Amino acid sequence: MSDNLRVRRIFEDDMVRQLQAHGVNAIPSSQIFPNELPSKGDIAAYVKTHNTQTVFVAKLINIEDKEVRYPGNTGFSYNRGISFNSYYNTSYSYIYDDSYSVSYEYVNVEFTLFDTQSHNPIWSTSSESVDPSNMNNIIDELTGILVTNMKDNNVIR
C-alpha cells in the first residue's frame, strides 16, 4: 500500500518475481490497478472473479527520524606507555568534544498474507529499513528476506 506508484510497482514486481521462482502463482496489483492504489472493494471484486486464494499486503507503519550520537576520540587508558603528550591530548578531547551526531530515517513496514475465504492472516512479519535512499537495493534485499522467511515458515515451498 503506497501512493508512490513507482515504489509500489518496483516492490510488487520484485516480490512476484521471487515468489514465482518458488512456484507461487502471484500477480502484482500494479498490473491489475496500474494507476491507483486499489480500494478494498476493488480487491474483493477481483478476488471473487478470479478465485484468488490469498492477498499479500505491505503496510507502511511509520517513518521516523532518529539521531545517533557517535563518540569522538575518547580512547584513554592507563598503560605502561603513558606520556604527558598522550595524557594531555586525551584530556583535551574531553573538553573539546569531537563527537558527532547523524540523523537517520527509519521506515517500518508490516507485511501480512491473508486468506481470502476466512479473511484471517496466514503469515505476518515486519521490517525496519534505515535511510532508504536507494529503493531498488532495499526492495531487492527486502523481498529476498521476505520470501526466505515465508519458505522457512512453510508458507511457500
N, C-alpha and C. Protein backbone atom coordinates (compact mmCIF):
# COMPACT_ATOMS: atom_id res chain seq x y z
N MET A 1 0.85 -1.17 0.00
CA MET A 1 0.00 0.00 0.00
C MET A 1 0.89 1.22 0.00
N SER A 2 0.96 1.87 -1.14
CA SER A 2 1.78 3.07 -1.27
C SER A 2 1.17 3.98 -2.32
N ASP A 3 1.15 5.26 -2.01
CA ASP A 3 0.68 6.22 -3.00
C ASP A 3 1.78 6.56 -4.00
N ASN A 4 2.99 6.08 -3.74
CA ASN A 4 4.10 6.24 -4.68
C ASN A 4 4.04 5.05 -5.65
N LEU A 5 3.45 5.30 -6.82
CA LEU A 5 3.21 4.21 -7.77
C LEU A 5 4.51 3.57 -8.25
N ARG A 6 5.57 4.34 -8.37
CA ARG A 6 6.85 3.79 -8.80
C ARG A 6 7.39 2.79 -7.78
N VAL A 7 7.40 3.17 -6.51
CA VAL A 7 7.90 2.28 -5.45
C VAL A 7 7.01 1.05 -5.35
N ARG A 8 5.71 1.26 -5.42
CA ARG A 8 4.77 0.14 -5.37
C ARG A 8 5.04 -0.85 -6.49
N ARG A 9 5.22 -0.34 -7.69
CA ARG A 9 5.44 -1.21 -8.85
C ARG A 9 6.77 -1.98 -8.71
N ILE A 10 7.82 -1.29 -8.29
CA ILE A 10 9.12 -1.95 -8.13
C ILE A 10 9.02 -3.05 -7.07
N PHE A 11 8.41 -2.73 -5.92
CA PHE A 11 8.28 -3.73 -4.86
C PHE A 11 7.45 -4.92 -5.33
N GLU A 12 6.28 -4.66 -5.88
CA GLU A 12 5.40 -5.75 -6.30
C GLU A 12 6.04 -6.62 -7.37
N ASP A 13 6.66 -6.00 -8.36
CA ASP A 13 7.28 -6.78 -9.44
C ASP A 13 8.40 -7.67 -8.89
N ASP A 14 9.21 -7.13 -7.99
CA ASP A 14 10.30 -7.92 -7.43
C ASP A 14 9.76 -9.04 -6.53
N MET A 15 8.75 -8.73 -5.73
CA MET A 15 8.16 -9.74 -4.85
C MET A 15 7.54 -10.87 -5.68
N VAL A 16 6.82 -10.51 -6.71
CA VAL A 16 6.19 -11.51 -7.58
C VAL A 16 7.25 -12.36 -8.27
N ARG A 17 8.31 -11.74 -8.76
CA ARG A 17 9.39 -12.49 -9.42
C ARG A 17 9.98 -13.52 -8.47
N GLN A 18 10.23 -13.13 -7.22
CA GLN A 18 10.82 -14.05 -6.26
C GLN A 18 9.82 -15.14 -5.85
N LEU A 19 8.55 -14.80 -5.71
CA LEU A 19 7.54 -15.82 -5.38
C LEU A 19 7.38 -16.82 -6.52
N GLN A 20 7.35 -16.31 -7.75
CA GLN A 20 7.21 -17.19 -8.90
C GLN A 20 8.39 -18.15 -9.03
N ALA A 21 9.57 -17.72 -8.61
CA ALA A 21 10.75 -18.59 -8.62
C ALA A 21 10.58 -19.77 -7.67
N HIS A 22 9.64 -19.64 -6.71
CA HIS A 22 9.34 -20.73 -5.77
C HIS A 22 8.02 -21.43 -6.13
N GLY A 23 7.54 -21.23 -7.35
CA GLY A 23 6.36 -21.93 -7.83
C GLY A 23 5.03 -21.31 -7.41
N VAL A 24 5.06 -20.11 -6.88
CA VAL A 24 3.82 -19.44 -6.46
C VAL A 24 3.25 -18.66 -7.64
N ASN A 25 1.96 -18.84 -7.90
CA ASN A 25 1.28 -18.08 -8.95
C ASN A 25 0.88 -16.73 -8.35
N ALA A 26 1.71 -15.73 -8.54
CA ALA A 26 1.48 -14.41 -7.95
C ALA A 26 1.33 -13.36 -9.05
N ILE A 27 0.50 -12.36 -8.79
CA ILE A 27 0.26 -11.28 -9.74
C ILE A 27 0.39 -9.95 -8.99
N PRO A 28 1.17 -9.01 -9.52
CA PRO A 28 1.27 -7.71 -8.84
C PRO A 28 -0.02 -6.90 -9.02
N SER A 29 -0.46 -6.24 -7.97
CA SER A 29 -1.68 -5.43 -8.08
C SER A 29 -1.49 -4.28 -9.05
N SER A 30 -0.24 -3.84 -9.22
CA SER A 30 0.02 -2.74 -10.16
C SER A 30 -0.25 -3.15 -11.61
N GLN A 31 -0.29 -4.45 -11.87
CA GLN A 31 -0.64 -4.94 -13.20
C GLN A 31 -2.15 -4.83 -13.41
N ILE A 32 -2.92 -5.04 -12.35
CA ILE A 32 -4.38 -5.00 -12.43
C ILE A 32 -4.91 -3.59 -12.24
N PHE A 33 -4.28 -2.85 -11.31
CA PHE A 33 -4.68 -1.47 -10.99
C PHE A 33 -3.45 -0.57 -11.16
N PRO A 34 -3.07 -0.28 -12.41
CA PRO A 34 -1.78 0.39 -12.65
C PRO A 34 -1.71 1.85 -12.23
N ASN A 35 -2.81 2.55 -12.19
CA ASN A 35 -2.75 3.99 -11.98
C ASN A 35 -3.20 4.46 -10.60
N GLU A 36 -3.57 3.51 -9.75
CA GLU A 36 -4.04 3.91 -8.42
C GLU A 36 -3.94 2.74 -7.44
N LEU A 37 -3.92 3.07 -6.17
CA LEU A 37 -3.97 2.05 -5.13
C LEU A 37 -5.40 1.52 -5.09
N PRO A 38 -5.60 0.21 -5.22
CA PRO A 38 -6.97 -0.32 -5.27
C PRO A 38 -7.68 -0.18 -3.92
N SER A 39 -8.98 0.02 -4.00
CA SER A 39 -9.79 0.06 -2.78
C SER A 39 -10.06 -1.36 -2.31
N LYS A 40 -10.60 -1.48 -1.11
CA LYS A 40 -10.96 -2.80 -0.58
C LYS A 40 -12.00 -3.46 -1.49
N GLY A 41 -12.93 -2.66 -2.00
CA GLY A 41 -13.96 -3.17 -2.91
C GLY A 41 -13.37 -3.68 -4.22
N ASP A 42 -12.39 -2.94 -4.74
CA ASP A 42 -11.71 -3.37 -5.98
C ASP A 42 -11.05 -4.73 -5.78
N ILE A 43 -10.37 -4.89 -4.65
CA ILE A 43 -9.68 -6.15 -4.36
C ILE A 43 -10.69 -7.28 -4.17
N ALA A 44 -11.77 -7.00 -3.42
CA ALA A 44 -12.80 -8.03 -3.19
C ALA A 44 -13.41 -8.50 -4.50
N ALA A 45 -13.67 -7.57 -5.41
CA ALA A 45 -14.26 -7.94 -6.71
C ALA A 45 -13.28 -8.79 -7.51
N TYR A 46 -12.01 -8.42 -7.51
CA TYR A 46 -11.00 -9.20 -8.24
C TYR A 46 -10.87 -10.60 -7.64
N VAL A 47 -10.80 -10.68 -6.32
CA VAL A 47 -10.66 -11.97 -5.63
C VAL A 47 -11.81 -12.89 -5.99
N LYS A 48 -13.03 -12.36 -5.98
CA LYS A 48 -14.22 -13.16 -6.26
C LYS A 48 -14.24 -13.61 -7.73
N THR A 49 -13.94 -12.71 -8.63
CA THR A 49 -13.97 -13.02 -10.06
C THR A 49 -12.89 -14.02 -10.47
N HIS A 50 -11.71 -13.94 -9.85
CA HIS A 50 -10.58 -14.76 -10.26
C HIS A 50 -10.24 -15.89 -9.29
N ASN A 51 -11.13 -16.14 -8.33
CA ASN A 51 -10.95 -17.24 -7.38
C ASN A 51 -9.55 -17.21 -6.74
N THR A 52 -9.17 -16.04 -6.25
CA THR A 52 -7.86 -15.83 -5.64
C THR A 52 -7.85 -16.39 -4.22
N GLN A 53 -6.80 -17.10 -3.86
CA GLN A 53 -6.72 -17.74 -2.54
C GLN A 53 -6.16 -16.83 -1.45
N THR A 54 -5.17 -16.00 -1.80
CA THR A 54 -4.54 -15.15 -0.79
C THR A 54 -4.27 -13.76 -1.35
N VAL A 55 -4.14 -12.81 -0.42
CA VAL A 55 -3.77 -11.44 -0.76
C VAL A 55 -2.62 -11.04 0.18
N PHE A 56 -1.56 -10.52 -0.41
CA PHE A 56 -0.38 -10.08 0.34
C PHE A 56 -0.42 -8.56 0.43
N VAL A 57 -0.35 -8.04 1.66
CA VAL A 57 -0.43 -6.60 1.86
C VAL A 57 0.83 -6.11 2.57
N ALA A 58 1.44 -5.07 2.03
CA ALA A 58 2.57 -4.39 2.66
C ALA A 58 2.05 -3.04 3.13
N LYS A 59 2.13 -2.81 4.44
CA LYS A 59 1.53 -1.60 5.03
C LYS A 59 2.61 -0.77 5.73
N LEU A 60 2.73 0.48 5.33
CA LEU A 60 3.66 1.39 5.99
C LEU A 60 3.16 1.67 7.40
N ILE A 61 3.98 1.39 8.40
CA ILE A 61 3.62 1.63 9.80
C ILE A 61 4.02 3.04 10.21
N ASN A 62 5.28 3.38 9.99
CA ASN A 62 5.72 4.75 10.29
C ASN A 62 7.08 5.02 9.67
N ILE A 63 7.37 6.31 9.60
CA ILE A 63 8.68 6.80 9.18
C ILE A 63 9.12 7.74 10.28
N GLU A 64 10.28 7.49 10.83
CA GLU A 64 10.75 8.37 11.89
C GLU A 64 12.23 8.68 11.73
N ASP A 65 12.58 9.88 12.14
CA ASP A 65 13.98 10.29 12.14
C ASP A 65 14.55 10.03 13.52
N LYS A 66 15.70 9.39 13.54
CA LYS A 66 16.39 9.13 14.81
C LYS A 66 17.79 9.71 14.69
N GLU A 67 18.24 10.32 15.77
CA GLU A 67 19.58 10.87 15.79
C GLU A 67 20.47 9.92 16.58
N VAL A 68 21.60 9.55 15.98
CA VAL A 68 22.56 8.66 16.62
C VAL A 68 23.82 9.48 16.89
N ARG A 69 24.28 9.44 18.14
CA ARG A 69 25.47 10.19 18.53
C ARG A 69 26.66 9.23 18.57
N TYR A 70 27.71 9.60 17.85
CA TYR A 70 28.92 8.80 17.80
C TYR A 70 30.00 9.49 18.64
N PRO A 71 30.63 8.75 19.53
CA PRO A 71 31.66 9.37 20.37
C PRO A 71 32.89 9.72 19.54
N GLY A 72 33.57 10.73 19.99
CA GLY A 72 34.80 11.13 19.31
C GLY A 72 35.98 10.32 19.81
N ASN A 73 37.14 10.90 19.76
CA ASN A 73 38.38 10.24 20.17
C ASN A 73 38.51 10.31 21.69
N THR A 74 37.93 9.34 22.38
CA THR A 74 37.98 9.32 23.85
C THR A 74 38.69 8.09 24.36
N GLY A 75 39.48 7.46 23.51
CA GLY A 75 40.12 6.20 23.88
C GLY A 75 41.32 6.38 24.80
N PHE A 76 41.09 6.66 26.07
CA PHE A 76 42.18 6.83 27.03
C PHE A 76 42.21 5.67 28.00
N SER A 77 43.38 5.15 28.23
CA SER A 77 43.55 4.14 29.27
C SER A 77 44.97 4.25 29.81
N TYR A 78 45.11 3.95 31.08
CA TYR A 78 46.46 3.95 31.67
C TYR A 78 47.18 2.69 31.24
N ASN A 79 48.39 2.85 30.81
CA ASN A 79 49.22 1.70 30.49
C ASN A 79 50.68 2.09 30.69
N ARG A 80 51.53 1.19 30.44
CA ARG A 80 52.96 1.46 30.69
C ARG A 80 53.53 2.55 29.79
N GLY A 81 52.90 2.77 28.64
CA GLY A 81 53.44 3.73 27.69
C GLY A 81 52.88 5.12 27.86
N ILE A 82 52.31 5.44 29.00
CA ILE A 82 51.72 6.75 29.20
C ILE A 82 52.79 7.84 29.18
N SER A 83 52.42 8.91 28.52
CA SER A 83 53.31 10.07 28.48
C SER A 83 52.47 11.32 28.66
N PHE A 84 53.15 12.43 28.90
CA PHE A 84 52.43 13.69 29.05
C PHE A 84 51.64 14.01 27.79
N ASN A 85 52.25 13.78 26.62
CA ASN A 85 51.57 14.12 25.35
C ASN A 85 50.29 13.32 25.17
N SER A 86 50.32 11.99 25.36
CA SER A 86 49.11 11.19 25.18
C SER A 86 48.07 11.52 26.23
N TYR A 87 48.51 11.75 27.47
CA TYR A 87 47.59 12.08 28.55
C TYR A 87 46.92 13.43 28.28
N TYR A 88 47.71 14.42 27.88
CA TYR A 88 47.18 15.76 27.64
C TYR A 88 46.24 15.76 26.44
N ASN A 89 46.62 15.09 25.36
CA ASN A 89 45.78 15.06 24.16
C ASN A 89 44.43 14.42 24.44
N THR A 90 44.42 13.32 25.20
CA THR A 90 43.16 12.66 25.54
C THR A 90 42.33 13.53 26.45
N SER A 91 42.94 14.18 27.42
CA SER A 91 42.21 15.09 28.31
C SER A 91 41.65 16.26 27.54
N TYR A 92 42.41 16.76 26.60
CA TYR A 92 42.00 17.89 25.77
C TYR A 92 40.72 17.54 24.99
N SER A 93 40.63 16.29 24.50
CA SER A 93 39.48 15.90 23.70
C SER A 93 38.19 15.85 24.51
N TYR A 94 38.30 15.65 25.84
CA TYR A 94 37.11 15.69 26.68
C TYR A 94 36.55 17.11 26.75
N ILE A 95 37.41 18.09 26.73
CA ILE A 95 36.97 19.48 26.81
C ILE A 95 36.43 19.94 25.47
N TYR A 96 37.15 19.62 24.41
CA TYR A 96 36.74 19.99 23.07
C TYR A 96 36.18 18.73 22.40
N ASP A 97 34.93 18.49 22.66
CA ASP A 97 34.25 17.28 22.22
C ASP A 97 34.27 17.15 20.71
N ASP A 98 34.82 16.05 20.21
CA ASP A 98 34.82 15.82 18.77
C ASP A 98 33.83 14.72 18.37
N SER A 99 32.86 14.45 19.26
CA SER A 99 31.81 13.50 18.90
C SER A 99 30.88 14.18 17.89
N TYR A 100 30.06 13.39 17.24
CA TYR A 100 29.15 13.95 16.25
C TYR A 100 27.86 13.14 16.21
N SER A 101 26.83 13.76 15.66
CA SER A 101 25.52 13.12 15.56
C SER A 101 25.14 13.01 14.09
N VAL A 102 24.45 11.93 13.77
CA VAL A 102 23.94 11.72 12.42
C VAL A 102 22.47 11.38 12.53
N SER A 103 21.67 11.97 11.67
CA SER A 103 20.24 11.71 11.66
C SER A 103 19.94 10.66 10.59
N TYR A 104 19.19 9.64 10.95
CA TYR A 104 18.82 8.57 10.02
C TYR A 104 17.30 8.51 9.93
N GLU A 105 16.82 8.11 8.76
CA GLU A 105 15.39 7.89 8.57
C GLU A 105 15.14 6.39 8.67
N TYR A 106 14.24 6.00 9.56
CA TYR A 106 13.86 4.60 9.74
C TYR A 106 12.45 4.42 9.18
N VAL A 107 12.29 3.42 8.31
CA VAL A 107 11.00 3.13 7.70
C VAL A 107 10.56 1.76 8.19
N ASN A 108 9.39 1.71 8.83
CA ASN A 108 8.84 0.45 9.36
C ASN A 108 7.65 0.02 8.51
N VAL A 109 7.70 -1.20 8.01
CA VAL A 109 6.65 -1.74 7.16
C VAL A 109 6.20 -3.09 7.71
N GLU A 110 4.90 -3.32 7.70
CA GLU A 110 4.32 -4.59 8.13
C GLU A 110 3.83 -5.34 6.89
N PHE A 111 4.10 -6.63 6.84
CA PHE A 111 3.72 -7.48 5.71
C PHE A 111 2.80 -8.57 6.23
N THR A 112 1.64 -8.74 5.58
CA THR A 112 0.68 -9.75 6.01
C THR A 112 0.10 -10.45 4.80
N LEU A 113 0.02 -11.78 4.90
CA LEU A 113 -0.62 -12.61 3.87
C LEU A 113 -1.96 -13.05 4.42
N PHE A 114 -3.04 -12.70 3.71
CA PHE A 114 -4.40 -13.01 4.16
C PHE A 114 -5.03 -14.12 3.32
N ASP A 115 -5.79 -14.99 3.99
CA ASP A 115 -6.62 -15.99 3.33
C ASP A 115 -7.89 -15.27 2.87
N THR A 116 -8.26 -15.42 1.60
CA THR A 116 -9.41 -14.67 1.09
C THR A 116 -10.76 -15.26 1.51
N GLN A 117 -10.78 -16.52 1.94
CA GLN A 117 -12.03 -17.12 2.39
C GLN A 117 -12.38 -16.69 3.82
N SER A 118 -11.42 -16.84 4.72
CA SER A 118 -11.67 -16.50 6.13
C SER A 118 -11.36 -15.05 6.46
N HIS A 119 -10.61 -14.40 5.59
CA HIS A 119 -10.13 -13.02 5.81
C HIS A 119 -9.14 -12.93 6.97
N ASN A 120 -8.63 -14.05 7.42
CA ASN A 120 -7.67 -14.08 8.53
C ASN A 120 -6.24 -14.10 7.99
N PRO A 121 -5.31 -13.57 8.78
CA PRO A 121 -3.91 -13.62 8.36
C PRO A 121 -3.36 -15.04 8.43
N ILE A 122 -2.57 -15.40 7.44
CA ILE A 122 -1.89 -16.68 7.40
C ILE A 122 -0.47 -16.52 7.94
N TRP A 123 0.13 -15.38 7.63
CA TRP A 123 1.53 -15.12 7.96
C TRP A 123 1.71 -13.61 8.04
N SER A 124 2.58 -13.17 8.94
CA SER A 124 2.85 -11.74 9.07
C SER A 124 4.25 -11.51 9.63
N THR A 125 4.85 -10.43 9.22
CA THR A 125 6.16 -10.01 9.74
C THR A 125 6.29 -8.51 9.51
N SER A 126 7.35 -7.94 10.04
CA SER A 126 7.60 -6.52 9.83
C SER A 126 9.09 -6.31 9.57
N SER A 127 9.40 -5.13 9.07
CA SER A 127 10.79 -4.80 8.79
C SER A 127 11.07 -3.36 9.17
N GLU A 128 12.35 -3.07 9.38
CA GLU A 128 12.78 -1.71 9.61
C GLU A 128 13.98 -1.46 8.71
N SER A 129 13.84 -0.49 7.81
CA SER A 129 14.92 -0.14 6.90
C SER A 129 15.48 1.21 7.31
N VAL A 130 16.78 1.35 7.19
CA VAL A 130 17.46 2.58 7.57
C VAL A 130 17.87 3.34 6.33
N ASP A 131 17.52 4.63 6.30
CA ASP A 131 17.87 5.52 5.20
C ASP A 131 17.64 4.90 3.83
N PRO A 132 16.39 4.70 3.47
CA PRO A 132 16.09 4.04 2.19
C PRO A 132 16.30 4.98 1.00
N SER A 133 17.54 5.40 0.78
CA SER A 133 17.82 6.32 -0.32
C SER A 133 17.86 5.60 -1.67
N ASN A 134 18.33 4.36 -1.71
CA ASN A 134 18.34 3.59 -2.93
C ASN A 134 17.27 2.51 -2.84
N MET A 135 16.07 2.85 -3.27
CA MET A 135 14.92 1.96 -3.12
C MET A 135 15.11 0.63 -3.84
N ASN A 136 15.76 0.63 -5.00
CA ASN A 136 15.94 -0.63 -5.73
C ASN A 136 16.74 -1.64 -4.92
N ASN A 137 17.83 -1.20 -4.30
CA ASN A 137 18.64 -2.12 -3.49
C ASN A 137 17.89 -2.60 -2.28
N ILE A 138 17.19 -1.70 -1.60
CA ILE A 138 16.45 -2.07 -0.40
C ILE A 138 15.32 -3.03 -0.74
N ILE A 139 14.60 -2.75 -1.81
CA ILE A 139 13.49 -3.62 -2.20
C ILE A 139 13.99 -5.00 -2.57
N ASP A 140 15.06 -5.09 -3.33
CA ASP A 140 15.61 -6.39 -3.72
C ASP A 140 16.03 -7.20 -2.49
N GLU A 141 16.71 -6.54 -1.56
CA GLU A 141 17.13 -7.23 -0.34
C GLU A 141 15.92 -7.63 0.51
N LEU A 142 14.97 -6.72 0.64
CA LEU A 142 13.79 -6.97 1.46
C LEU A 142 12.93 -8.10 0.92
N THR A 143 12.67 -8.11 -0.38
CA THR A 143 11.84 -9.18 -0.94
C THR A 143 12.52 -10.54 -0.80
N GLY A 144 13.84 -10.56 -0.92
CA GLY A 144 14.57 -11.81 -0.70
C GLY A 144 14.41 -12.31 0.72
N ILE A 145 14.50 -11.41 1.68
CA ILE A 145 14.32 -11.77 3.10
C ILE A 145 12.90 -12.25 3.34
N LEU A 146 11.91 -11.56 2.77
CA LEU A 146 10.51 -11.94 2.97
C LEU A 146 10.23 -13.34 2.42
N VAL A 147 10.68 -13.60 1.21
CA VAL A 147 10.42 -14.91 0.60
C VAL A 147 11.15 -16.01 1.37
N THR A 148 12.36 -15.76 1.82
CA THR A 148 13.08 -16.74 2.64
C THR A 148 12.33 -17.00 3.94
N ASN A 149 11.82 -15.95 4.57
CA ASN A 149 11.05 -16.09 5.80
C ASN A 149 9.78 -16.90 5.55
N MET A 150 9.10 -16.64 4.44
CA MET A 150 7.89 -17.39 4.10
C MET A 150 8.22 -18.87 3.89
N LYS A 151 9.34 -19.13 3.24
CA LYS A 151 9.75 -20.51 2.99
C LYS A 151 10.11 -21.19 4.31
N ASP A 152 10.87 -20.50 5.16
CA ASP A 152 11.25 -21.06 6.46
C ASP A 152 10.06 -21.35 7.36
N ASN A 153 8.97 -20.62 7.17
CA ASN A 153 7.75 -20.80 7.96
C ASN A 153 6.71 -21.64 7.25
N ASN A 154 7.12 -22.34 6.18
CA ASN A 154 6.26 -23.25 5.42
C ASN A 154 5.03 -22.57 4.84
N VAL A 155 5.13 -21.30 4.52
CA VAL A 155 4.04 -20.58 3.87
C VAL A 155 4.09 -20.88 2.37
N ILE A 156 5.32 -21.00 1.86
CA ILE A 156 5.55 -21.41 0.46
C ILE A 156 6.57 -22.54 0.48
N ARG A 157 6.68 -23.22 -0.65
CA ARG A 157 7.63 -24.33 -0.75
C ARG A 157 8.88 -23.92 -1.47
